[in-house]
Amino acid sequence: MYVRDALPTVVSMDERIVIVDSGTGLKLTEEQLDERSAIAIVQLRRRGVRSGDTVLICLPVGPDLLVATDAVIAAGGVAWPVSADLDADALRERIRDSGARVLISDLPRALEAAEESRVRIVMSVADLCALST
């Protein structure tokens, strides 16, 4: 996950922390959220996400989910979170019922479920953080 890899181990006292990864304890500051969201917005637009587009986001709760949701909303899209804890059948049904053509996920079962839906653009967390593609 790019947020975990890019986070510094020390955060100064004057930086506002917006989320702490419960698994690793690493912190995401407001400035880091803004930086990562700005990159993700560019990547979403490069892949054709436009105002009003529904974007499914199937990621575990944590910094990556926050960055993806922030970027989708800032790009004018409609963020549609799908629980990463759903079983394969429920996940397939939610993705199919959404009618969305864009999915952000790293979960194999979400990617498989997307194959049976209208989803045509699949982005991973790494895709969101890429400076250029």
Protein backbone atom coordinates (compact mmCIF):
# COMPACT_ATOMS: atom_id res chain seq x y z
CA MET A 1 0.00 0.00 0.00
CA TYR A 2 1.48 3.29 -1.01
CA VAL A 3 0.34 5.29 2.02
CA ARG A 4 2.12 2.96 4.41
CA ASP A 5 5.29 2.95 2.34
CA ALA A 6 5.43 6.72 2.00
CA LEU A 7 4.61 7.78 5.54
CA PRO A 8 7.40 9.19 7.65
CA THR A 9 8.05 7.55 10.99
CA VAL A 10 8.16 10.90 12.79
CA VAL A 11 5.38 13.48 12.67
CA SER A 12 6.00 16.94 14.10
CA MET A 13 3.73 18.18 16.86
CA ASP A 14 2.22 20.96 14.72
CA GLU A 15 1.01 18.62 11.95
CA ARG A 16 -2.62 17.61 12.11
CA ILE A 17 -3.10 13.86 11.95
CA VAL A 18 -6.23 12.78 10.09
CA ILE A 19 -5.95 9.00 10.45
CA VAL A 20 -3.80 6.38 12.12
CA ASP A 21 -3.45 2.98 10.50
CA SER A 22 -4.67 0.58 13.18
CA GLY A 23 -2.52 -2.24 11.80
CA THR A 24 0.79 -0.42 11.70
CA GLY A 25 0.29 2.68 13.84
CA LEU A 26 1.54 4.88 11.01
CA LYS A 27 -0.04 8.30 10.76
CA LEU A 28 -1.39 10.25 7.81
CA THR A 29 -1.26 14.02 8.23
CA GLU A 30 -3.56 16.54 6.64
CA GLU A 31 -0.73 17.64 4.33
CA GLN A 32 -0.01 14.05 3.26
CA LEU A 33 -3.71 13.45 2.61
CA ASP A 34 -3.82 16.55 0.40
CA GLU A 35 -0.69 15.51 -1.51
CA ARG A 36 -1.84 11.94 -2.10
CA SER A 37 -5.36 13.02 -3.00
CA ALA A 38 -4.03 15.52 -5.57
CA ILE A 39 -2.05 12.75 -7.30
CA ALA A 40 -5.04 10.39 -7.14
CA ILE A 41 -7.36 13.02 -8.67
CA VAL A 42 -5.04 13.30 -11.67
CA GLN A 43 -4.99 9.51 -12.07
CA LEU A 44 -8.79 9.28 -11.84
CA ARG A 45 -9.23 11.98 -14.49
CA ARG A 46 -6.62 10.33 -16.74
CA ARG A 47 -8.74 7.20 -16.66
CA GLY A 48 -11.85 9.11 -17.63
CA VAL A 49 -13.60 9.71 -14.31
CA ARG A 50 -15.84 12.73 -14.73
CA SER A 51 -18.30 14.68 -12.66
CA GLY A 52 -21.18 12.49 -11.58
CA ASP A 53 -19.47 9.15 -12.30
CA THR A 54 -19.99 6.50 -9.65
CA VAL A 55 -16.71 5.04 -8.41
CA LEU A 56 -16.80 1.90 -6.30
CA ILE A 57 -14.15 1.78 -3.59
CA CYS A 58 -13.49 -1.61 -2.04
CA LEU A 59 -10.57 -1.18 0.35
CA PRO A 60 -10.05 -1.96 4.03
CA VAL A 61 -10.70 0.89 6.44
CA GLY A 62 -7.53 2.94 6.69
CA PRO A 63 -5.47 5.62 4.99
CA ASP A 64 -5.85 4.22 1.46
CA LEU A 65 -9.64 4.26 1.75
CA LEU A 66 -9.55 7.84 2.98
CA VAL A 67 -7.28 8.99 0.13
CA ALA A 68 -9.38 7.20 -2.51
CA THR A 69 -12.66 8.59 -1.19
CA ASP A 70 -11.28 12.12 -0.91
CA ALA A 71 -9.92 11.96 -4.47
CA VAL A 72 -13.13 10.60 -6.00
CA ILE A 73 -15.21 13.34 -4.38
CA ALA A 74 -12.70 16.04 -5.36
CA ALA A 75 -12.73 14.76 -8.95
CA GLY A 76 -16.52 15.24 -8.96
CA GLY A 77 -17.30 11.55 -8.77
CA VAL A 78 -19.69 9.80 -6.46
CA ALA A 79 -17.78 7.62 -3.99
CA TRP A 80 -19.58 4.32 -3.41
CA PRO A 81 -17.78 2.43 -0.64
CA VAL A 82 -18.20 -1.34 -0.66
CA SER A 83 -17.16 -3.24 2.44
CA ALA A 84 -13.94 -5.19 1.96
CA ASP A 85 -15.30 -7.72 4.46
CA LEU A 86 -18.15 -8.96 2.26
CA ASP A 87 -18.09 -12.53 1.02
CA ALA A 88 -17.59 -13.07 -2.72
CA ASP A 89 -21.31 -13.46 -3.54
CA ALA A 90 -22.39 -10.35 -1.64
CA LEU A 91 -19.53 -8.37 -3.15
CA ARG A 92 -20.45 -9.51 -6.66
CA GLU A 93 -24.07 -8.49 -6.09
CA ARG A 94 -23.17 -5.02 -4.74
CA ILE A 95 -20.80 -4.32 -7.60
CA ARG A 96 -23.28 -5.54 -10.22
CA ASP A 97 -26.19 -3.60 -8.67
CA SER A 98 -24.23 -0.35 -8.55
CA GLY A 99 -24.02 -0.03 -12.32
CA ALA A 100 -20.64 1.67 -11.84
CA ARG A 101 -17.93 1.38 -14.49
CA VAL A 102 -15.00 2.28 -12.20
CA LEU A 103 -13.62 0.28 -9.26
CA ILE A 104 -10.73 1.03 -6.92
CA SER A 105 -9.57 -2.11 -5.14
CA ASP A 106 -6.62 -4.41 -4.51
CA LEU A 107 -8.77 -7.31 -3.31
CA PRO A 108 -8.74 -10.33 -5.66
CA ARG A 109 -12.39 -11.20 -4.95
CA ALA A 110 -13.46 -7.63 -5.80
CA LEU A 111 -11.51 -7.75 -9.04
CA GLU A 112 -13.14 -11.08 -9.93
CA ALA A 113 -16.58 -9.71 -9.11
CA ALA A 114 -15.95 -6.69 -11.32
CA GLU A 115 -15.42 -8.96 -14.32
CA GLU A 116 -19.10 -9.89 -14.17
CA SER A 117 -20.35 -6.29 -14.04
CA ARG A 118 -20.35 -3.03 -15.98
CA VAL A 119 -17.00 -2.06 -14.43
CA ARG A 120 -14.57 -1.24 -17.22
CA ILE A 121 -11.90 0.67 -15.32
CA VAL A 122 -10.17 -1.02 -12.40
CA MET A 123 -7.61 0.91 -10.40
CA SER A 124 -5.39 -0.34 -7.62
CA VAL A 125 -4.03 1.73 -4.75
CA ALA A 126 -0.70 1.78 -6.63
CA ASP A 127 -2.48 3.24 -9.69
CA LEU A 128 -3.83 6.08 -7.56
CA CYS A 129 -0.43 7.07 -6.26
CA ALA A 130 1.50 6.87 -9.54
CA LEU A 131 3.02 10.22 -10.46
CA SER A 132 2.78 9.37 -14.15
CA THR A 133 1.43 6.54 -16.26
